[in-house]
N, C-alpha and C. Protein backbone atom coordinates (compact mmCIF):
# COMPACT_ATOMS: atom_id res chain seq x y z
N UNK A 1 0.84 -1.48 -0.16
CA UNK A 1 -0.47 -0.03 -0.05
C UNK A 1 0.84 1.06 -0.51
N UNK A 2 0.30 2.05 -0.78
CA UNK A 2 1.16 3.07 -0.74
C UNK A 2 1.72 4.26 0.25
N UNK A 3 2.77 4.55 0.73
CA UNK A 3 2.44 5.51 1.96
C UNK A 3 2.04 7.20 1.75
N UNK A 4 1.88 8.14 2.43
CA UNK A 4 2.53 8.84 2.00
C UNK A 4 3.57 10.11 1.87
N UNK A 5 4.97 9.39 1.98
CA UNK A 5 6.02 9.69 2.04
C UNK A 5 7.45 8.67 2.33
N UNK A 6 8.56 8.55 1.59
CA UNK A 6 9.10 7.40 1.92
C UNK A 6 10.03 7.59 3.04
N UNK A 7 9.65 8.46 4.11
CA UNK A 7 10.81 8.92 4.77
C UNK A 7 9.92 8.01 6.03
N UNK A 8 8.47 7.27 5.82
CA UNK A 8 7.86 5.98 7.23
C UNK A 8 8.86 4.91 7.53
N UNK A 9 9.91 5.00 6.45
CA UNK A 9 11.32 3.86 6.68
C UNK A 9 11.63 4.20 7.78
N UNK A 10 12.01 5.63 8.06
CA UNK A 10 13.45 6.11 9.06
C UNK A 10 12.17 5.14 10.53
N UNK A 11 11.12 6.05 10.54
CA UNK A 11 10.22 5.35 11.66
C UNK A 11 9.90 4.17 12.62
N UNK A 12 10.07 3.34 11.15
CA UNK A 12 9.66 1.63 11.52
C UNK A 12 11.23 0.82 11.71
N UNK A 13 12.02 1.82 10.82
CA UNK A 13 13.99 1.48 12.25
C UNK A 13 14.12 2.00 12.83
N UNK A 14 13.35 2.91 13.72
CA UNK A 14 13.86 3.14 15.23
C UNK A 14 12.59 2.39 15.91
N UNK A 15 11.53 2.11 15.48
CA UNK A 15 10.84 1.32 16.19
C UNK A 15 11.79 -0.13 16.73
N UNK A 16 12.05 -0.53 15.57
CA UNK A 16 12.96 -1.88 15.50
C UNK A 16 13.89 -1.70 16.07
N UNK A 17 14.88 -1.48 16.12
CA UNK A 17 15.52 -0.77 16.47
C UNK A 17 15.49 -0.67 18.84
N UNK A 18 14.43 -0.17 18.34
CA UNK A 18 14.13 0.17 20.38
C UNK A 18 13.58 -1.36 21.06
N UNK A 19 13.09 -2.09 20.18
CA UNK A 19 12.73 -3.06 20.85
C UNK A 19 11.93 -3.30 21.80
N UNK A 20 10.88 -1.45 21.29
CA UNK A 20 9.53 -1.73 22.33
C UNK A 20 8.69 -1.01 21.26
N UNK A 21 7.55 -0.91 21.02
CA UNK A 21 6.22 -0.91 20.11
C UNK A 21 5.24 0.28 20.87
N UNK A 22 4.77 1.06 20.05
CA UNK A 22 3.48 1.65 20.63
C UNK A 22 2.44 0.38 21.46
N UNK A 23 1.67 0.34 22.51
CA UNK A 23 0.33 -0.77 22.60
C UNK A 23 0.98 -1.86 23.14
N UNK A 24 2.66 -1.85 22.49
CA UNK A 24 3.04 -4.14 23.44
C UNK A 24 2.93 -4.09 24.32
N UNK A 25 3.05 -4.52 24.91
CA UNK A 25 2.45 -5.05 26.79
C UNK A 25 4.55 -4.78 27.40
N UNK A 26 4.92 -4.53 27.07
CA UNK A 26 6.28 -4.46 27.52
C UNK A 26 6.51 -2.96 27.80
N UNK A 27 5.81 -2.16 26.83
CA UNK A 27 5.81 -0.36 26.77
C UNK A 27 4.22 -0.39 27.39
N UNK A 28 3.46 -0.88 27.69
CA UNK A 28 1.73 -0.57 28.04
C UNK A 28 1.41 -1.20 29.52
N UNK A 29 1.06 -2.11 29.47
CA UNK A 29 0.55 -2.55 30.48
C UNK A 29 0.44 -4.34 30.95
N UNK A 30 -0.29 -4.88 31.77
CA UNK A 30 0.57 -6.01 31.50
C UNK A 30 -0.92 -7.07 31.23
N UNK A 31 -0.85 -8.64 31.06
CA UNK A 31 -2.25 -9.07 30.48
C UNK A 31 -3.07 -9.11 31.92
N UNK A 32 -3.53 -8.62 33.02
CA UNK A 32 -4.45 -8.34 33.39
C UNK A 32 -5.37 -6.85 33.95
N UNK A 33 -4.53 -6.27 33.06
CA UNK A 33 -5.07 -5.00 33.37
C UNK A 33 -6.40 -4.91 32.14
N UNK A 34 -6.58 -3.65 32.17
CA UNK A 34 -7.65 -3.09 31.06
C UNK A 34 -6.70 -2.59 29.95
N UNK A 35 -7.67 -2.96 29.10
CA UNK A 35 -7.23 -2.38 27.84
C UNK A 35 -6.15 -1.33 27.68
N UNK A 36 -5.18 -1.53 26.74
CA UNK A 36 -4.13 0.67 27.38
C UNK A 36 -4.92 0.96 25.95
N UNK A 37 -4.32 2.08 26.14
CA UNK A 37 -4.67 3.42 24.97
C UNK A 37 -2.92 3.91 24.75
N UNK A 38 -2.44 3.98 23.85
CA UNK A 38 -1.69 4.48 23.20
C UNK A 38 -1.43 5.74 22.34
N UNK A 39 -1.18 6.48 22.92
CA UNK A 39 -1.18 7.54 22.22
C UNK A 39 0.18 7.95 21.43
N UNK A 40 0.14 8.54 20.54
CA UNK A 40 1.64 9.20 19.84
C UNK A 40 1.34 10.51 19.11
N UNK A 41 2.22 11.46 19.61
CA UNK A 41 2.30 12.77 18.64
C UNK A 41 3.26 12.87 18.32
N UNK A 42 3.21 12.59 16.70
CA UNK A 42 3.38 12.82 15.54
C UNK A 42 3.88 14.40 15.14
N UNK A 43 5.37 15.19 15.91
CA UNK A 43 5.29 16.89 14.89
C UNK A 43 5.47 16.82 13.25
N UNK A 44 5.30 17.87 13.14
CA UNK A 44 5.95 18.25 11.96
C UNK A 44 6.19 16.97 11.01
N UNK A 45 4.44 16.54 11.21
CA UNK A 45 3.48 15.57 10.29
C UNK A 45 3.93 15.00 9.49
N UNK A 46 2.59 16.33 8.33
CA UNK A 46 2.85 15.98 7.12
C UNK A 46 4.07 15.86 5.65
N UNK A 47 4.22 15.26 5.07
CA UNK A 47 2.77 14.93 4.44
C UNK A 47 2.10 12.89 5.54
N UNK A 48 2.54 12.84 6.49
CA UNK A 48 2.00 11.66 7.51
C UNK A 48 2.72 10.60 7.20
N UNK A 49 4.24 10.63 6.27
CA UNK A 49 4.39 9.42 6.41
C UNK A 49 4.92 8.23 7.90
N UNK A 50 5.41 9.19 8.95
CA UNK A 50 5.16 8.13 10.29
C UNK A 50 4.06 7.82 10.45
N UNK A 51 2.87 8.55 10.62
CA UNK A 51 1.49 9.08 11.46
C UNK A 51 1.06 7.66 10.58
N UNK A 52 1.04 7.58 8.76
CA UNK A 52 0.79 6.59 8.27
C UNK A 52 1.52 5.23 8.72
N UNK A 53 2.77 5.06 9.37
CA UNK A 53 3.12 3.90 9.82
C UNK A 53 2.16 3.53 11.18
N UNK A 54 1.56 4.77 12.17
CA UNK A 54 1.41 4.10 12.71
C UNK A 54 0.29 3.28 13.46
N UNK A 55 -0.81 3.97 12.62
CA UNK A 55 -2.01 3.63 12.47
C UNK A 55 -1.66 2.51 11.91
N UNK A 56 -0.84 2.40 11.12
CA UNK A 56 -0.95 0.58 9.82
C UNK A 56 -1.03 -0.55 10.52
N UNK A 57 0.27 0.05 11.29
CA UNK A 57 1.20 -1.46 12.22
C UNK A 57 0.52 -1.04 13.79
N UNK A 58 0.47 -0.26 14.18
CA UNK A 58 -0.22 -0.45 15.10
C UNK A 58 -1.22 0.43 15.23
N UNK A 59 -2.27 -0.98 14.68
CA UNK A 59 -3.60 0.01 14.77
C UNK A 59 -4.36 0.52 16.29
N UNK A 60 -4.30 -0.17 16.81
CA UNK A 60 -4.70 0.08 18.09
C UNK A 60 -3.97 2.04 19.13
N UNK A 61 -3.56 2.22 18.56
CA UNK A 61 -2.89 3.47 19.15
C UNK A 61 -3.64 4.88 17.60
N UNK A 62 -3.81 5.78 18.93
CA UNK A 62 -4.88 6.86 18.16
C UNK A 62 -3.15 8.03 18.33
N UNK A 63 -3.24 8.60 16.51
CA UNK A 63 -1.72 9.83 16.69
C UNK A 63 -2.45 11.17 16.78
N UNK A 64 -2.04 11.89 17.42
CA UNK A 64 -1.54 13.08 17.28
C UNK A 64 -1.02 14.28 16.40
N UNK A 65 -1.54 14.37 14.85
CA UNK A 65 -0.21 15.11 13.98
C UNK A 65 -0.37 16.58 14.17
N UNK A 66 0.54 16.99 14.42
CA UNK A 66 0.73 18.80 14.45
C UNK A 66 1.51 19.13 13.49
N UNK A 67 1.02 20.12 12.65
CA UNK A 67 1.98 20.42 11.38
C UNK A 67 1.41 21.72 11.32
N UNK A 68 1.57 22.20 10.01
CA UNK A 68 0.63 23.81 9.68
C UNK A 68 0.35 22.93 8.96
N UNK A 69 0.47 22.48 7.81
CA UNK A 69 -0.58 21.50 7.03
C UNK A 69 -0.45 20.52 6.87
N UNK A 70 -1.89 20.33 6.25
CA UNK A 70 -2.53 18.73 6.42
C UNK A 70 -1.55 17.78 6.57
N UNK A 71 -1.96 16.31 6.83
CA UNK A 71 -1.37 15.31 6.41
C UNK A 71 -2.53 14.55 5.04
N UNK A 72 -1.66 13.74 4.76
CA UNK A 72 -2.95 12.94 3.51
C UNK A 72 -4.09 12.71 3.79
N UNK A 73 -5.07 12.63 2.78
CA UNK A 73 -6.42 13.11 3.09
C UNK A 73 -6.03 11.55 4.26
N UNK A 74 -6.48 10.35 3.26
CA UNK A 74 -6.26 8.86 4.05
C UNK A 74 -6.14 9.24 5.31
N UNK A 75 -5.65 10.10 6.24
CA UNK A 75 -5.32 10.32 7.33
C UNK A 75 -6.28 10.98 7.92
N UNK A 76 -6.54 12.39 7.04
CA UNK A 76 -7.23 12.93 7.84
C UNK A 76 -8.93 12.71 8.03
N UNK A 77 -8.53 11.29 7.28
CA UNK A 77 -10.60 10.68 7.02
C UNK A 77 -10.27 9.59 8.32
N UNK A 78 -8.98 9.02 8.53
CA UNK A 78 -9.14 8.16 9.82
C UNK A 78 -9.67 8.57 11.55
N UNK A 79 -10.45 7.95 12.06
CA UNK A 79 -11.04 8.45 12.78
C UNK A 79 -9.97 8.71 14.33
N UNK A 80 -8.92 7.64 14.90
CA UNK A 80 -7.76 7.90 14.99
C UNK A 80 -6.90 8.90 14.93
N UNK A 81 -6.68 9.38 13.92
CA UNK A 81 -6.00 9.79 13.80
C UNK A 81 -7.10 11.63 14.01
N UNK A 82 -6.22 12.64 14.71
CA UNK A 82 -6.08 13.94 15.38
C UNK A 82 -5.48 15.07 14.91
N UNK A 83 -5.86 15.51 13.57
CA UNK A 83 -4.89 16.43 13.25
C UNK A 83 -4.45 18.01 13.84
N UNK A 84 -3.68 18.14 14.24
CA UNK A 84 -3.44 19.69 14.92
C UNK A 84 -2.87 20.91 14.13
N UNK A 85 -3.81 21.40 13.90
CA UNK A 85 -2.98 22.38 13.10
C UNK A 85 -2.07 23.86 14.02
N UNK A 86 -0.82 23.74 13.98
CA UNK A 86 -0.05 24.87 14.63
C UNK A 86 1.88 24.06 14.50
N UNK A 87 2.42 24.75 15.02
CA UNK A 87 3.62 25.05 15.64
C UNK A 87 4.12 23.68 15.91
N UNK A 88 5.23 22.77 15.55
CA UNK A 88 5.21 21.60 16.67
C UNK A 88 5.95 21.73 17.19
N UNK A 89 6.94 22.74 17.38
CA UNK A 89 7.77 23.00 18.86
C UNK A 89 6.76 23.56 19.91
N UNK A 90 5.58 24.47 19.84
CA UNK A 90 5.30 25.25 20.62
C UNK A 90 4.28 23.87 21.07
N UNK A 91 3.78 23.00 20.66
CA UNK A 91 2.60 22.27 20.75
C UNK A 91 2.79 21.58 22.01
N UNK A 92 2.16 21.51 23.19
CA UNK A 92 1.96 20.41 24.08
C UNK A 92 0.52 19.66 24.45
N UNK A 93 0.86 18.58 24.80
CA UNK A 93 0.06 17.92 24.78
C UNK A 93 -1.44 17.36 25.60
N UNK A 94 -2.26 17.21 25.58
CA UNK A 94 -3.65 17.42 26.21
C UNK A 94 -3.27 16.66 27.35
N UNK A 95 -4.18 17.29 28.32
CA UNK A 95 -4.10 16.14 29.77
C UNK A 95 -3.82 14.22 29.54
N UNK A 96 -5.38 14.39 29.26
CA UNK A 96 -5.84 13.51 29.46
C UNK A 96 -5.20 12.37 28.27
N UNK A 97 -4.04 12.42 27.72
CA UNK A 97 -3.06 11.95 27.05
C UNK A 97 -1.68 10.95 27.77
N UNK A 98 -1.67 11.81 29.18
CA UNK A 98 -0.50 12.05 29.91
C UNK A 98 -0.80 10.81 31.05
N UNK A 99 -0.17 10.14 31.02
CA UNK A 99 -0.05 9.08 32.54
C UNK A 99 -0.60 9.95 33.56
N UNK A 100 -1.52 9.91 34.57
CA UNK A 100 -2.17 9.75 35.28
C UNK A 100 -3.25 11.20 35.41
N UNK A 101 -3.03 11.36 34.10
CA UNK A 101 -4.23 12.31 34.00
C UNK A 101 -3.26 13.75 33.67
N UNK A 102 -2.05 14.32 33.85
CA UNK A 102 -1.48 15.34 33.87
C UNK A 102 -0.04 15.09 34.93
N UNK A 103 0.49 16.18 34.49
CA UNK A 103 2.27 16.08 35.15
C UNK A 103 3.33 15.03 34.72
N UNK A 104 3.14 14.58 33.50
CA UNK A 104 3.62 13.54 32.78
C UNK A 104 3.43 12.30 33.01
N UNK A 105 4.88 11.72 33.09
CA UNK A 105 5.10 10.15 33.01
C UNK A 105 5.73 10.77 34.55
N UNK A 106 6.24 8.99 35.49
CA UNK A 106 7.03 9.00 36.75
C UNK A 106 6.71 7.88 36.79
N UNK A 107 7.86 7.15 37.49
CA UNK A 107 8.23 5.74 37.39
C UNK A 107 7.52 4.67 38.47
N UNK A 108 6.44 5.68 38.45
CA UNK A 108 5.23 4.65 38.90
C UNK A 108 3.85 5.54 38.09
N UNK A 109 3.27 6.21 38.07
CA UNK A 109 2.21 6.07 37.48
C UNK A 109 2.28 5.51 36.43
N UNK A 110 3.57 5.28 35.50
CA UNK A 110 3.32 4.89 33.96
C UNK A 110 3.44 3.21 34.19
N UNK A 111 3.33 2.62 34.73
CA UNK A 111 3.29 1.64 35.33
C UNK A 111 1.70 0.69 35.43
N UNK A 112 1.17 2.43 36.39
CA UNK A 112 -0.48 1.32 36.33
C UNK A 112 -1.38 2.59 35.91
N UNK A 113 -0.68 3.13 34.74
CA UNK A 113 -1.74 3.83 34.44
C UNK A 113 -1.98 3.67 32.73
N UNK A 114 -3.46 3.68 32.53
CA UNK A 114 -2.89 2.67 30.98
C UNK A 114 -3.63 3.61 30.18
N UNK A 115 -2.46 4.91 30.45
CA UNK A 115 -2.58 5.90 29.00
C UNK A 115 -1.14 5.54 29.22
N UNK A 116 -0.42 6.04 27.61
CA UNK A 116 1.15 5.38 27.79
C UNK A 116 1.37 6.66 26.08
N UNK A 117 1.75 7.81 26.66
CA UNK A 117 2.05 8.28 25.49
C UNK A 117 3.65 8.46 24.65
N UNK A 118 4.08 8.62 23.51
CA UNK A 118 4.76 8.72 23.15
C UNK A 118 4.81 9.64 21.88
N UNK A 119 6.06 10.55 21.93
CA UNK A 119 6.80 11.12 20.76
C UNK A 119 7.07 11.18 19.25
N UNK A 120 6.74 11.34 18.40
CA UNK A 120 8.07 11.45 17.08
C UNK A 120 8.37 12.57 16.52
N UNK A 121 9.40 12.40 15.97
CA UNK A 121 9.33 14.07 15.43
C UNK A 121 10.66 13.78 13.82
N UNK A 122 10.24 14.16 12.57
CA UNK A 122 11.04 14.04 11.91
C UNK A 122 11.38 15.40 10.41
N UNK A 123 10.43 16.62 11.95
CA UNK A 123 9.94 17.72 11.46
C UNK A 123 11.32 18.72 11.11
N UNK A 124 11.41 19.63 9.82
CA UNK A 124 13.05 20.03 8.89
C UNK A 124 13.33 21.18 10.27
N UNK A 125 14.38 20.94 10.65
CA UNK A 125 14.86 22.03 11.88
C UNK A 125 16.24 21.79 11.89
N UNK A 126 16.62 23.12 11.85
CA UNK A 126 18.42 23.18 12.72
C UNK A 126 18.77 22.35 13.60
N UNK A 127 19.75 21.88 14.05
CA UNK A 127 19.82 20.65 14.75
C UNK A 127 19.27 20.91 16.32
N UNK A 128 20.20 22.82 16.61
CA UNK A 128 19.59 23.33 17.78
C UNK A 128 18.18 22.69 18.39
N UNK A 129 17.50 23.28 17.53
CA UNK A 129 16.07 23.15 17.61
C UNK A 129 15.65 21.54 17.79
N UNK A 130 16.06 20.47 17.46
CA UNK A 130 15.79 19.74 17.98
C UNK A 130 16.22 19.23 19.38
N UNK A 131 17.38 19.89 20.18
CA UNK A 131 17.82 19.22 20.89
C UNK A 131 17.14 20.39 21.57
N UNK A 132 16.16 21.54 21.65
CA UNK A 132 15.61 22.03 22.59
C UNK A 132 14.25 20.86 22.36
N UNK A 133 13.82 20.24 21.68
CA UNK A 133 12.04 19.90 21.22
C UNK A 133 12.65 18.48 22.61
N UNK A 134 13.96 17.98 22.34
CA UNK A 134 13.81 17.19 23.17
C UNK A 134 14.13 17.32 24.55
N UNK A 135 14.61 18.61 24.71
CA UNK A 135 14.40 18.91 26.92
C UNK A 135 13.13 19.65 26.08
N UNK A 136 12.72 20.11 26.08
CA UNK A 136 11.15 20.52 26.47
C UNK A 136 10.83 18.81 27.30
N UNK A 137 10.71 18.15 26.61
CA UNK A 137 9.76 16.80 26.57
C UNK A 137 9.91 15.86 27.63
N UNK A 138 11.42 16.31 27.99
CA UNK A 138 11.95 14.87 28.64
C UNK A 138 12.28 15.92 29.63
N UNK A 139 12.27 17.21 30.60
CA UNK A 139 11.64 18.29 31.23
C UNK A 139 10.75 18.27 31.69
N UNK A 140 9.41 17.98 31.47
CA UNK A 140 8.06 17.94 31.48
C UNK A 140 7.72 16.56 31.95
N UNK A 141 8.22 15.15 31.10
CA UNK A 141 8.16 14.51 31.18
C UNK A 141 6.78 13.41 30.67
N UNK A 142 6.06 14.51 29.28
CA UNK A 142 4.96 13.88 28.75
C UNK A 142 5.29 12.94 28.42
N UNK A 143 6.62 11.98 27.97
CA UNK A 143 6.02 10.68 26.88
C UNK A 143 7.60 9.81 27.84
N UNK A 144 6.20 8.81 26.99
CA UNK A 144 7.59 7.28 27.66
C UNK A 144 8.98 7.02 27.32
N UNK A 145 8.68 7.15 25.55
CA UNK A 145 9.73 7.15 23.95
C UNK A 145 9.46 8.41 24.07
N UNK A 146 10.23 8.43 23.15
CA UNK A 146 9.71 9.46 21.70
C UNK A 146 11.75 8.47 21.03
N UNK A 147 11.24 9.37 19.94
CA UNK A 147 11.90 9.34 18.32
C UNK A 147 11.59 10.07 17.41
N UNK A 148 13.51 10.54 17.57
CA UNK A 148 13.04 12.21 17.40
C UNK A 148 14.19 12.32 15.82
N UNK A 149 13.97 13.02 14.76
CA UNK A 149 15.38 12.82 13.97
C UNK A 149 16.20 14.33 14.31
N UNK A 150 17.08 14.51 14.13
CA UNK A 150 18.01 15.57 14.18
C UNK A 150 18.77 15.54 12.84
N UNK A 151 19.07 16.33 12.01
CA UNK A 151 19.10 17.05 10.77
C UNK A 151 20.31 18.29 10.59
N UNK A 152 21.63 17.72 10.06
CA UNK A 152 22.03 18.40 10.01
C UNK A 152 22.19 19.50 8.66
N UNK A 153 22.88 20.80 8.48
CA UNK A 153 23.48 21.48 7.63
C UNK A 153 24.65 21.10 6.85
N UNK A 154 24.49 20.85 5.84
CA UNK A 154 26.15 21.08 4.81
C UNK A 154 26.14 19.66 4.48
N UNK A 155 27.72 19.29 4.55
CA UNK A 155 28.03 17.61 4.86
C UNK A 155 28.50 17.35 5.22
N UNK A 156 28.71 18.03 6.61
CA UNK A 156 29.46 17.44 8.42
C UNK A 156 28.37 17.09 9.40
N UNK A 157 28.40 16.26 9.90
CA UNK A 157 27.28 16.56 11.10
C UNK A 157 27.68 17.19 12.09
N UNK A 158 27.25 18.50 12.86
CA UNK A 158 27.64 18.95 14.39
C UNK A 158 27.43 18.01 15.00
N UNK A 159 28.76 18.06 15.18
CA UNK A 159 29.37 16.92 16.64
C UNK A 159 28.82 17.41 17.93
N UNK A 160 28.84 18.74 17.69
CA UNK A 160 28.96 19.36 19.51
C UNK A 160 27.87 19.19 19.94
N UNK A 161 27.02 19.84 18.80
CA UNK A 161 25.52 19.09 18.91
C UNK A 161 24.54 18.31 19.70
N UNK A 162 24.93 16.96 18.50
CA UNK A 162 24.89 16.15 19.00
C UNK A 162 25.16 15.69 20.44
N UNK A 163 26.32 15.69 20.13
CA UNK A 163 26.56 15.40 22.00
C UNK A 163 25.63 16.26 23.35
N UNK A 164 26.06 17.70 22.68
CA UNK A 164 25.22 18.62 24.19
C UNK A 164 22.88 17.65 23.67
N UNK A 165 22.87 17.38 22.44
CA UNK A 165 21.11 16.82 22.59
C UNK A 165 21.63 15.90 23.88
N UNK A 166 22.60 14.68 23.26
CA UNK A 166 22.17 13.31 23.92
C UNK A 166 22.73 13.58 25.50
N UNK A 167 23.53 14.64 26.23
CA UNK A 167 23.55 14.68 27.56
C UNK A 167 22.51 15.16 28.42
N UNK A 168 21.76 16.40 27.53
CA UNK A 168 20.80 16.82 28.26
C UNK A 168 19.79 15.56 27.47
N UNK A 169 19.01 14.74 26.95
CA UNK A 169 18.15 13.21 27.26
C UNK A 169 18.68 12.77 28.47
N UNK A 170 19.52 12.57 28.61
CA UNK A 170 20.33 11.43 29.42
C UNK A 170 20.20 12.31 31.11
N UNK A 171 20.64 13.70 31.35
CA UNK A 171 21.11 14.35 32.13
C UNK A 171 18.86 14.35 32.77
N UNK A 172 17.93 14.80 32.08
CA UNK A 172 17.05 14.29 32.63
C UNK A 172 16.37 13.54 32.86
N UNK A 173 17.30 12.40 33.15
CA UNK A 173 16.53 10.99 33.48
C UNK A 173 16.02 10.03 32.03
N UNK A 174 16.10 10.28 31.16
CA UNK A 174 15.81 8.56 30.30
C UNK A 174 17.31 8.21 29.87
N UNK A 175 17.03 7.60 29.69
CA UNK A 175 17.98 6.08 28.21
C UNK A 175 17.94 6.60 26.72
N UNK A 176 19.46 6.76 26.31
CA UNK A 176 19.14 7.19 24.88
C UNK A 176 20.11 7.13 24.30
N UNK A 177 19.53 6.52 22.84
CA UNK A 177 20.34 5.62 21.75
C UNK A 177 20.73 6.82 20.35
N UNK A 178 21.33 6.61 19.57
CA UNK A 178 21.36 8.12 18.49
C UNK A 178 22.35 7.20 17.47
N UNK A 179 21.10 6.82 16.39
CA UNK A 179 21.87 5.66 15.45
C UNK A 179 21.24 6.81 13.81
N UNK A 180 22.54 6.21 13.52
CA UNK A 180 22.27 6.48 11.30
C UNK A 180 22.25 5.53 10.73
N UNK A 181 20.86 5.30 10.48
CA UNK A 181 19.69 3.87 9.91
C UNK A 181 20.49 3.87 8.13
N UNK A 182 19.90 3.16 8.13
CA UNK A 182 19.96 2.76 6.50
C UNK A 182 19.37 3.92 5.88
N UNK A 183 18.30 4.07 6.01
CA UNK A 183 17.68 5.64 5.48
C UNK A 183 17.65 6.89 5.94
N UNK A 184 18.36 6.48 6.83
CA UNK A 184 19.65 8.02 7.41
C UNK A 184 20.11 9.36 6.09
N UNK A 185 19.77 10.35 5.86
CA UNK A 185 20.73 11.15 4.59
C UNK A 185 21.29 11.04 5.28
N UNK A 186 21.95 12.88 5.85
CA UNK A 186 22.59 13.55 6.56
C UNK A 186 21.56 14.09 7.52
N UNK A 187 21.58 12.75 8.56
CA UNK A 187 20.67 13.13 9.94
C UNK A 187 21.34 11.85 10.67
N UNK A 188 20.27 11.85 12.03
CA UNK A 188 21.15 10.85 13.02
C UNK A 188 19.21 10.71 13.37
N UNK A 189 19.32 9.51 13.94
CA UNK A 189 17.73 9.36 14.60
C UNK A 189 18.28 9.30 16.07
N UNK A 190 17.29 10.12 17.40
CA UNK A 190 17.18 9.87 18.29
C UNK A 190 16.08 8.55 18.88
N UNK A 191 16.19 7.91 19.80
CA UNK A 191 15.44 6.33 20.24
C UNK A 191 15.75 6.62 22.21
N UNK A 192 14.37 7.85 22.23
CA UNK A 192 14.78 7.84 23.82
C UNK A 192 13.65 7.06 24.08
N UNK A 193 14.23 6.81 25.85
CA UNK A 193 12.97 5.39 26.47
C UNK A 193 13.23 6.23 27.84
N UNK A 194 12.02 6.01 28.78
CA UNK A 194 11.81 6.59 30.26
C UNK A 194 12.81 5.16 31.27
N UNK A 195 13.35 6.32 32.22
CA UNK A 195 14.41 5.24 32.31
C UNK A 195 13.30 3.74 33.74
N UNK A 196 13.65 2.83 33.68
CA UNK A 196 12.29 2.49 34.56
C UNK A 196 13.35 1.95 36.25
N UNK A 197 12.27 2.10 37.42
CA UNK A 197 12.75 1.04 38.54
C UNK A 197 12.07 0.16 38.75
N UNK A 198 13.22 -0.55 39.36
CA UNK A 198 13.09 -2.43 39.95
C UNK A 198 13.83 -2.72 41.37
N UNK A 199 12.65 -2.79 41.96
CA UNK A 199 12.85 -3.85 43.11
C UNK A 199 13.99 -1.91 43.64
N UNK A 200 13.56 -0.89 43.79
CA UNK A 200 14.12 0.36 44.40
C UNK A 200 15.30 0.85 43.45
N UNK A 201 16.08 0.01 42.55
CA UNK A 201 17.32 0.73 41.76
C UNK A 201 16.50 0.40 40.62
N UNK A 202 17.20 2.10 40.27
CA UNK A 202 17.26 2.33 38.69
C UNK A 202 17.92 1.41 37.43
N UNK A 203 17.06 1.34 36.77
CA UNK A 203 17.56 0.34 35.28
C UNK A 203 16.71 1.12 34.03
N UNK A 204 17.88 0.64 33.16
CA UNK A 204 17.96 1.57 31.85
C UNK A 204 17.38 0.76 30.98
N UNK A 205 16.25 0.87 30.32
CA UNK A 205 15.59 0.60 28.73
C UNK A 205 16.81 -0.32 27.45
N UNK A 206 16.58 -1.42 27.49
CA UNK A 206 17.93 -1.88 27.00
C UNK A 206 18.08 -1.19 25.36
N UNK A 207 18.30 -0.64 25.32
CA UNK A 207 18.15 0.00 23.48
C UNK A 207 18.83 -0.44 22.84
N UNK A 208 19.57 -1.39 23.60
CA UNK A 208 21.00 -2.48 22.28
C UNK A 208 20.33 -2.97 22.36
N UNK A 209 19.26 -4.14 22.78
CA UNK A 209 18.65 -5.02 21.50
C UNK A 209 18.19 -4.80 20.28
N UNK A 210 18.03 -5.76 19.28
CA UNK A 210 17.01 -5.64 18.25
C UNK A 210 18.24 -4.30 16.98
N UNK A 211 18.92 -4.01 17.78
CA UNK A 211 19.83 -3.00 16.79
C UNK A 211 19.51 -3.00 14.91
N UNK A 212 19.38 -2.33 14.35
CA UNK A 212 19.28 -2.09 12.64
C UNK A 212 20.59 -1.45 12.41
N UNK A 213 20.86 -1.45 11.44
CA UNK A 213 21.71 -0.44 10.82
C UNK A 213 23.03 -1.13 11.47
N UNK A 214 23.97 0.54 11.72
CA UNK A 214 25.77 0.73 12.50
C UNK A 214 25.48 2.59 12.80
N UNK A 215 25.94 2.20 13.56
CA UNK A 215 26.28 3.68 14.18
C UNK A 215 27.21 4.56 13.19
N UNK A 216 27.19 6.01 13.72
CA UNK A 216 27.45 6.90 12.55
C UNK A 216 28.62 6.97 13.11
N UNK A 217 28.89 6.92 13.91
CA UNK A 217 30.32 7.52 15.01
C UNK A 217 30.30 6.26 16.10
N UNK A 218 31.35 5.98 16.09
CA UNK A 218 32.32 5.03 17.06
C UNK A 218 31.75 5.18 18.64
N UNK A 219 31.78 6.84 18.84
CA UNK A 219 31.29 6.38 20.10
C UNK A 219 30.41 6.90 21.21
N UNK A 220 29.63 6.32 19.96
CA UNK A 220 27.85 6.05 20.29
C UNK A 220 27.61 4.93 20.72
């Protein structure tokens, strides 16, 4: 089936690499819990390649697609897609989509609430804006998982900004892995997951599992 854009491949690689999927038992509720609801916020969604991946591969997930321009007409007709016209960097998720009904994700609430929020973004912007976006969402603890593309200007990657973004994410309590996927051009993909608490000890999500592609830089 035709997709709105070829960019959808990057999101599929990112989800496969993380080893966690929207609405999967490992990222939402246990089998004894009531049915879970995963909301995926797609920032800079137009024309809708990433939104289409979520809807076609994880059909029990709702998508909030944010952009100044509408997504593909088939997605605009999808009752599980809410289109929000506006600035991706200024968007704030509705309280009812957050774990606990507001205030963001926490180690206690995210495992006992049927709401699970993801944020994905392939928006075209300077690298600094990607860092700002990750900083905002991590600081507010809005999402349990994030997949964000950092796009570089010119032919060389901005290693300084890349390192800064990684430090920001980790210092704000999230685990982070960065990969240059087969379908990435002059850009890298951030895969970000909240850290878990196991018997009182901090445990990182295993982002080493299911790796696809090769590292862009040997230090990552």
